[in-house]
Amino acid sequence: TDLDIGLGLLAAATERLDGARTVL
């Protein structure tokens, strides 16, 4: 559960980044 939620939130967050820098 914790892994699924964390990765799900991170995937959704990457779609909302401003794109001004590389995120690794």
PDB file of all heavy atoms in Angstrom:
ATOM      1  N   THR A   1       0.810  -1.223   0.000  1.00  0.00           N
ATOM      2  CA  THR A   1       0.000   0.000   0.000  1.00  0.00           C
ATOM      3  C   THR A   1       0.841   1.271   0.000  1.00  0.00           C
ATOM      4  O   THR A   1       0.621   2.173  -0.823  1.00  0.00           O
ATOM      5  CB  THR A   1      -0.951   0.001   1.213  1.00  0.00           C
ATOM      6  OG1 THR A   1      -1.925  -1.027   1.026  1.00  0.00           O
ATOM      7  CG2 THR A   1      -1.668   1.336   1.351  1.00  0.00           C
ATOM      8  N   ASP A   2       1.794   1.390   0.912  1.00  0.00           N
ATOM      9  CA  ASP A   2       2.593   2.616   0.981  1.00  0.00           C
ATOM     10  C   ASP A   2       3.391   2.836  -0.301  1.00  0.00           C
ATOM     11  O   ASP A   2       3.531   3.964  -0.771  1.00  0.00           O
ATOM     12  CB  ASP A   2       3.533   2.571   2.178  1.00  0.00           C
ATOM     13  CG  ASP A   2       2.803   2.716   3.508  1.00  0.00           C
ATOM     14  OD1 ASP A   2       1.678   3.240   3.517  1.00  0.00           O
ATOM     15  OD2 ASP A   2       3.365   2.294   4.538  1.00  0.00           O
ATOM     16  N   LEU A   3       3.921   1.759  -0.864  1.00  0.00           N
ATOM     17  CA  LEU A   3       4.674   1.862  -2.110  1.00  0.00           C
ATOM     18  C   LEU A   3       3.759   2.266  -3.262  1.00  0.00           C
ATOM     19  O   LEU A   3       4.109   3.147  -4.064  1.00  0.00           O
ATOM     20  CB  LEU A   3       5.359   0.533  -2.413  1.00  0.00           C
ATOM     21  CG  LEU A   3       6.214   0.474  -3.672  1.00  0.00           C
ATOM     22  CD1 LEU A   3       7.375   1.450  -3.594  1.00  0.00           C
ATOM     23  CD2 LEU A   3       6.721  -0.946  -3.917  1.00  0.00           C
ATOM     24  N   ASP A   4       2.579   1.648  -3.353  1.00  0.00           N
ATOM     25  CA  ASP A   4       1.643   1.973  -4.432  1.00  0.00           C
ATOM     26  C   ASP A   4       1.223   3.444  -4.365  1.00  0.00           C
ATOM     27  O   ASP A   4       1.168   4.135  -5.394  1.00  0.00           O
ATOM     28  CB  ASP A   4       0.402   1.084  -4.341  1.00  0.00           C
ATOM     29  CG  ASP A   4       0.695  -0.374  -4.626  1.00  0.00           C
ATOM     30  OD1 ASP A   4       1.698  -0.663  -5.305  1.00  0.00           O
ATOM     31  OD2 ASP A   4      -0.083  -1.231  -4.170  1.00  0.00           O
ATOM     32  N   ILE A   5       0.909   3.916  -3.169  1.00  0.00           N
ATOM     33  CA  ILE A   5       0.475   5.302  -3.021  1.00  0.00           C
ATOM     34  C   ILE A   5       1.622   6.258  -3.341  1.00  0.00           C
ATOM     35  O   ILE A   5       1.445   7.243  -4.073  1.00  0.00           O
ATOM     36  CB  ILE A   5      -0.074   5.544  -1.605  1.00  0.00           C
ATOM     37  CG1 ILE A   5      -1.412   4.830  -1.427  1.00  0.00           C
ATOM     38  CG2 ILE A   5      -0.237   7.045  -1.331  1.00  0.00           C
ATOM     39  CD1 ILE A   5      -1.982   4.886  -0.020  1.00  0.00           C
ATOM     40  N   GLY A   6       2.804   5.965  -2.821  1.00  0.00           N
ATOM     41  CA  GLY A   6       3.930   6.849  -3.075  1.00  0.00           C
ATOM     42  C   GLY A   6       4.272   6.970  -4.544  1.00  0.00           C
ATOM     43  O   GLY A   6       4.452   8.081  -5.063  1.00  0.00           O
ATOM     44  N   LEU A   7       4.330   5.845  -5.237  1.00  0.00           N
ATOM     45  CA  LEU A   7       4.648   5.888  -6.664  1.00  0.00           C
ATOM     46  C   LEU A   7       3.521   6.512  -7.473  1.00  0.00           C
ATOM     47  O   LEU A   7       3.768   7.194  -8.467  1.00  0.00           O
ATOM     48  CB  LEU A   7       4.965   4.477  -7.165  1.00  0.00           C
ATOM     49  CG  LEU A   7       6.234   3.841  -6.580  1.00  0.00           C
ATOM     50  CD1 LEU A   7       6.462   2.457  -7.184  1.00  0.00           C
ATOM     51  CD2 LEU A   7       7.449   4.727  -6.808  1.00  0.00           C
ATOM     52  N   GLY A   8       2.281   6.289  -7.051  1.00  0.00           N
ATOM     53  CA  GLY A   8       1.152   6.908  -7.733  1.00  0.00           C
ATOM     54  C   GLY A   8       1.171   8.416  -7.604  1.00  0.00           C
ATOM     55  O   GLY A   8       0.923   9.149  -8.576  1.00  0.00           O
ATOM     56  N   LEU A   9       1.458   8.908  -6.405  1.00  0.00           N
ATOM     57  CA  LEU A   9       1.542  10.351  -6.200  1.00  0.00           C
ATOM     58  C   LEU A   9       2.709  10.955  -6.978  1.00  0.00           C
ATOM     59  O   LEU A   9       2.580  12.030  -7.576  1.00  0.00           O
ATOM     60  CB  LEU A   9       1.699  10.656  -4.710  1.00  0.00           C
ATOM     61  CG  LEU A   9       0.492  10.368  -3.822  1.00  0.00           C
ATOM     62  CD1 LEU A   9       0.837  10.621  -2.364  1.00  0.00           C
ATOM     63  CD2 LEU A   9      -0.707  11.218  -4.231  1.00  0.00           C
ATOM     64  N   LEU A  10       3.846  10.260  -6.988  1.00  0.00           N
ATOM     65  CA  LEU A  10       5.004  10.784  -7.704  1.00  0.00           C
ATOM     66  C   LEU A  10       4.747  10.829  -9.206  1.00  0.00           C
ATOM     67  O   LEU A  10       5.109  11.804  -9.881  1.00  0.00           O
ATOM     68  CB  LEU A  10       6.228   9.927  -7.391  1.00  0.00           C
ATOM     69  CG  LEU A  10       7.559  10.383  -7.986  1.00  0.00           C
ATOM     70  CD1 LEU A  10       7.870  11.817  -7.604  1.00  0.00           C
ATOM     71  CD2 LEU A  10       8.680   9.454  -7.532  1.00  0.00           C
ATOM     72  N   ALA A  11       4.104   9.798  -9.752  1.00  0.00           N
ATOM     73  CA  ALA A  11       3.782   9.802 -11.185  1.00  0.00           C
ATOM     74  C   ALA A  11       2.862  10.967 -11.529  1.00  0.00           C
ATOM     75  O   ALA A  11       3.047  11.646 -12.545  1.00  0.00           O
ATOM     76  CB  ALA A  11       3.138   8.475 -11.574  1.00  0.00           C
ATOM     77  N   ALA A  12       1.860  11.213 -10.675  1.00  0.00           N
ATOM     78  CA  ALA A  12       0.951  12.331 -10.924  1.00  0.00           C
ATOM     79  C   ALA A  12       1.667  13.666 -10.770  1.00  0.00           C
ATOM     80  O   ALA A  12       1.382  14.630 -11.492  1.00  0.00           O
ATOM     81  CB  ALA A  12      -0.241  12.253  -9.972  1.00  0.00           C
ATOM     82  N   ALA A  13       2.608  13.747  -9.838  1.00  0.00           N
ATOM     83  CA  ALA A  13       3.342  14.993  -9.629  1.00  0.00           C
ATOM     84  C   ALA A  13       4.212  15.337 -10.823  1.00  0.00           C
ATOM     85  O   ALA A  13       4.352  16.517 -11.182  1.00  0.00           O
ATOM     86  CB  ALA A  13       4.196  14.888  -8.361  1.00  0.00           C
ATOM     87  N   THR A  14       4.824  14.339 -11.458  1.00  0.00           N
ATOM     88  CA  THR A  14       5.714  14.631 -12.591  1.00  0.00           C
ATOM     89  C   THR A  14       4.956  15.262 -13.748  1.00  0.00           C
ATOM     90  O   THR A  14       5.552  15.981 -14.560  1.00  0.00           O
ATOM     91  CB  THR A  14       6.434  13.352 -13.074  1.00  0.00           C
ATOM     92  OG1 THR A  14       5.467  12.379 -13.492  1.00  0.00           O
ATOM     93  CG2 THR A  14       7.303  12.774 -11.973  1.00  0.00           C
ATOM     94  N   GLU A  15       3.660  15.026 -13.821  1.00  0.00           N
ATOM     95  CA  GLU A  15       2.844  15.643 -14.870  1.00  0.00           C
ATOM     96  C   GLU A  15       2.536  17.106 -14.574  1.00  0.00           C
ATOM     97  O   GLU A  15       2.034  17.822 -15.440  1.00  0.00           O
ATOM     98  CB  GLU A  15       1.542  14.868 -15.032  1.00  0.00           C
ATOM     99  CG  GLU A  15       1.731  13.409 -15.441  1.00  0.00           C
ATOM    100  CD  GLU A  15       0.430  12.632 -15.446  1.00  0.00           C
ATOM    101  OE1 GLU A  15      -0.607  13.226 -15.026  1.00  0.00           O
ATOM    102  OE2 GLU A  15       0.438  11.459 -15.854  1.00  0.00           O
ATOM    103  N   ARG A  16       2.841  17.538 -13.343  1.00  0.00           N
ATOM    104  CA  ARG A  16       2.504  18.893 -12.909  1.00  0.00           C
ATOM    105  C   ARG A  16       3.729  19.781 -12.720  1.00  0.00           C
ATOM    106  O   ARG A  16       3.590  20.936 -12.313  1.00  0.00           O
ATOM    107  CB  ARG A  16       1.712  18.817 -11.594  1.00  0.00           C
ATOM    108  CG  ARG A  16       0.335  18.194 -11.745  1.00  0.00           C
ATOM    109  CD  ARG A  16      -0.256  17.802 -10.395  1.00  0.00           C
ATOM    110  NE  ARG A  16      -1.686  17.526 -10.456  1.00  0.00           N
ATOM    111  CZ  ARG A  16      -2.230  16.404 -10.927  1.00  0.00           C
ATOM    112  NH1 ARG A  16      -1.429  15.431 -11.377  1.00  0.00           N
ATOM    113  NH2 ARG A  16      -3.526  16.236 -10.959  1.00  0.00           N
ATOM    114  N   LEU A  17       4.923  19.270 -13.004  1.00  0.00           N
ATOM    115  CA  LEU A  17       6.138  20.057 -12.829  1.00  0.00           C
ATOM    116  C   LEU A  17       6.215  21.181 -13.852  1.00  0.00           C
ATOM    117  O   LEU A  17       5.664  21.078 -14.957  1.00  0.00           O
ATOM    118  CB  LEU A  17       7.361  19.153 -12.949  1.00  0.00           C
ATOM    119  CG  LEU A  17       7.499  18.075 -11.876  1.00  0.00           C
ATOM    120  CD1 LEU A  17       8.635  17.123 -12.231  1.00  0.00           C
ATOM    121  CD2 LEU A  17       7.719  18.687 -10.506  1.00  0.00           C
ATOM    122  N   ASP A  18       6.946  22.249 -13.505  1.00  0.00           N
ATOM    123  CA  ASP A  18       7.014  23.382 -14.429  1.00  0.00           C
ATOM    124  C   ASP A  18       7.954  23.139 -15.599  1.00  0.00           C
ATOM    125  O   ASP A  18       7.979  23.924 -16.550  1.00  0.00           O
ATOM    126  CB  ASP A  18       7.385  24.673 -13.686  1.00  0.00           C
ATOM    127  CG  ASP A  18       8.790  24.655 -13.092  1.00  0.00           C
ATOM    128  OD1 ASP A  18       9.612  23.808 -13.489  1.00  0.00           O
ATOM    129  OD2 ASP A  18       9.069  25.506 -12.231  1.00  0.00           O
ATOM    130  N   GLY A  19       8.747  22.056 -15.560  1.00  0.00           N
ATOM    131  CA  GLY A  19       9.588  21.708 -16.695  1.00  0.00           C
ATOM    132  C   GLY A  19      10.841  22.538 -16.841  1.00  0.00           C
ATOM    133  O   GLY A  19      11.532  22.454 -17.847  1.00  0.00           O
ATOM    134  N   ALA A  20      11.184  23.335 -15.818  1.00  0.00           N
ATOM    135  CA  ALA A  20      12.324  24.247 -15.944  1.00  0.00           C
ATOM    136  C   ALA A  20      13.659  23.578 -15.688  1.00  0.00           C
ATOM    137  O   ALA A  20      14.707  24.182 -15.933  1.00  0.00           O
ATOM    138  CB  ALA A  20      12.142  25.419 -14.975  1.00  0.00           C
ATOM    139  N   ARG A  21      13.647  22.341 -15.171  1.00  0.00           N
ATOM    140  CA  ARG A  21      14.914  21.671 -14.852  1.00  0.00           C
ATOM    141  C   ARG A  21      14.722  20.166 -14.941  1.00  0.00           C
ATOM    142  O   ARG A  21      13.596  19.665 -14.909  1.00  0.00           O
ATOM    143  CB  ARG A  21      15.390  22.055 -13.448  1.00  0.00           C
ATOM    144  CG  ARG A  21      14.377  21.711 -12.373  1.00  0.00           C
ATOM    145  CD  ARG A  21      14.622  22.447 -11.102  1.00  0.00           C
ATOM    146  NE  ARG A  21      14.808  23.865 -11.315  1.00  0.00           N
ATOM    147  CZ  ARG A  21      13.810  24.733 -11.519  1.00  0.00           C
ATOM    148  NH1 ARG A  21      12.548  24.305 -11.561  1.00  0.00           N
ATOM    149  NH2 ARG A  21      14.047  25.993 -11.708  1.00  0.00           N
ATOM    150  N   THR A  22      15.834  19.462 -15.038  1.00  0.00           N
ATOM    151  CA  THR A  22      15.791  18.012 -15.086  1.00  0.00           C
ATOM    152  C   THR A  22      15.465  17.459 -13.704  1.00  0.00           C
ATOM    153  O   THR A  22      16.024  17.889 -12.696  1.00  0.00           O
ATOM    154  CB  THR A  22      17.134  17.455 -15.559  1.00  0.00           C
ATOM    155  OG1 THR A  22      17.402  17.936 -16.878  1.00  0.00           O
ATOM    156  CG2 THR A  22      17.127  15.929 -15.559  1.00  0.00           C
ATOM    157  N   VAL A  23      14.565  16.492 -13.658  1.00  0.00           N
ATOM    158  CA  VAL A  23      14.220  15.790 -12.426  1.00  0.00           C
ATOM    159  C   VAL A  23      14.604  14.331 -12.610  1.00  0.00           C
ATOM    160  O   VAL A  23      14.202  13.685 -13.582  1.00  0.00           O
ATOM    161  CB  VAL A  23      12.723  15.929 -12.092  1.00  0.00           C
ATOM    162  CG1 VAL A  23      12.352  15.069 -10.891  1.00  0.00           C
ATOM    163  CG2 VAL A  23      12.369  17.388 -11.829  1.00  0.00           C
ATOM    164  N   LEU A  24      15.401  13.825 -11.681  1.00  0.00           N
ATOM    165  CA  LEU A  24      15.891  12.457 -11.733  1.00  0.00           C
ATOM    166  C   LEU A  24      15.206  11.642 -10.652  1.00  0.00           C
ATOM    167  O   LEU A  24      15.366  11.918  -9.454  1.00  0.00           O
ATOM    168  CB  LEU A  24      17.407  12.432 -11.520  1.00  0.00           C
ATOM    169  CG  LEU A  24      18.238  13.126 -12.601  1.00  0.00           C
ATOM    170  CD1 LEU A  24      19.618  13.458 -12.076  1.00  0.00           C
ATOM    171  CD2 LEU A  24      18.328  12.246 -13.838  1.00  0.00           C
TER     172      LEU A  24
END
